[in-house]
Amino acid sequence: MHNLNEYFTFSLYENVCRSLFEKDKLLFSFLLTQRILDGKGEMNKLEWKYLLAGGGGEVEIPENPVDWIDNTSWPEIYRSVAGASQ
């Protein structure tokens, strides 16, 4: 059964990729991998949600401590780092 599943996945990938543009093949590979991992129960739902929606909720943003990060970019950078560590 394992070999049949492996072959079917490979065959599906090969046949679908024939009709895709080169730029779309990587996205298809990513989505196929995500579906396989989700089907096996190996997908971390919190990481997947964060990838799709980004960090959520209100975070108190401290003042920008460095001058090499633009003040308009600092809040988004801080939110992404603070949200990933929670």
Protein backbone atom coordinates (compact mmCIF):
# COMPACT_ATOMS: atom_id res chain seq x y z
CA MET A 1 0.00 0.00 0.00
CA HIS A 2 2.89 2.35 0.81
CA ASN A 3 4.46 1.82 -2.63
CA LEU A 4 1.12 2.42 -4.34
CA ASN A 5 0.66 5.67 -2.44
CA GLU A 6 4.20 6.80 -3.27
CA TYR A 7 3.75 6.03 -6.95
CA PHE A 8 0.36 7.76 -7.11
CA THR A 9 1.80 10.90 -5.51
CA PHE A 10 4.73 10.91 -7.92
CA SER A 11 2.47 10.31 -10.91
CA LEU A 12 0.11 13.07 -9.82
CA TYR A 13 3.03 15.49 -9.44
CA GLU A 14 4.51 14.59 -12.83
CA ASN A 15 1.21 14.90 -14.70
CA VAL A 16 0.12 18.15 -13.08
CA CYS A 17 3.53 19.75 -13.52
CA ARG A 18 3.35 19.13 -17.25
CA SER A 19 0.55 21.64 -17.52
CA LEU A 20 1.97 24.27 -15.14
CA PHE A 21 4.23 27.18 -15.89
CA GLU A 22 7.67 26.88 -14.35
CA LYS A 23 6.90 29.67 -11.86
CA ASP A 24 3.87 27.76 -10.53
CA LYS A 25 5.54 24.37 -9.96
CA LEU A 26 7.13 25.35 -6.66
CA LEU A 27 3.80 26.53 -5.27
CA PHE A 28 2.13 23.29 -6.37
CA SER A 29 4.92 21.27 -4.73
CA PHE A 30 4.48 23.23 -1.50
CA LEU A 31 0.70 22.74 -1.45
CA LEU A 32 1.00 19.03 -2.27
CA THR A 33 3.51 18.60 0.56
CA GLN A 34 1.24 20.50 2.95
CA ARG A 35 -1.71 18.27 2.08
CA ILE A 36 0.35 15.10 2.54
CA LEU A 37 1.65 16.24 5.94
CA ASP A 38 -1.85 17.32 6.99
CA GLY A 39 -3.25 13.94 5.95
CA LYS A 40 -0.63 12.15 8.04
CA GLY A 41 -1.34 14.41 11.02
CA GLU A 42 2.21 15.80 10.95
CA MET A 43 1.20 19.39 10.20
CA ASN A 44 1.52 21.88 13.03
CA LYS A 45 -1.78 23.78 12.85
CA LEU A 46 -0.46 26.82 14.74
CA GLU A 47 2.48 27.22 12.36
CA TRP A 48 0.19 26.79 9.34
CA LYS A 49 -2.23 29.41 10.68
CA TYR A 50 0.66 31.81 11.33
CA LEU A 51 1.98 31.27 7.80
CA LEU A 52 -1.42 32.03 6.28
CA ALA A 53 -2.59 34.90 8.49
CA GLY A 54 0.51 36.25 10.18
CA GLY A 55 0.68 37.23 13.80
CA GLY A 56 -2.50 38.34 15.46
CA GLY A 57 -3.56 40.24 18.50
CA GLU A 58 -2.32 43.42 20.05
CA VAL A 59 1.31 43.67 21.04
CA GLU A 60 2.80 46.61 22.88
CA ILE A 61 5.52 47.87 20.58
CA PRO A 62 8.56 49.48 22.22
CA GLU A 63 10.43 52.35 20.64
CA ASN A 64 12.73 51.46 17.75
CA PRO A 65 16.12 50.78 19.43
CA VAL A 66 18.25 51.05 16.26
CA ASP A 67 18.63 53.58 13.50
CA TRP A 68 19.13 51.10 10.65
CA ILE A 69 15.49 49.92 10.74
CA ASP A 70 13.00 52.42 9.37
CA ASN A 71 10.40 53.60 11.91
CA THR A 72 7.58 52.61 9.57
CA SER A 73 8.91 49.03 9.28
CA TRP A 74 9.75 48.55 12.96
CA PRO A 75 6.20 47.77 14.23
CA GLU A 76 5.64 45.01 11.66
CA ILE A 77 9.07 43.48 12.29
CA TYR A 78 8.52 43.52 16.05
CA ARG A 79 5.03 41.99 15.71
CA SER A 80 6.37 39.13 13.58
CA VAL A 81 9.17 38.35 16.03
CA ALA A 82 7.03 38.76 19.16
CA GLY A 83 4.20 36.68 17.66
CA ALA A 84 6.54 33.83 16.71
CA SER A 85 7.96 33.57 20.22
CA GLN A 86 4.56 33.25 21.91
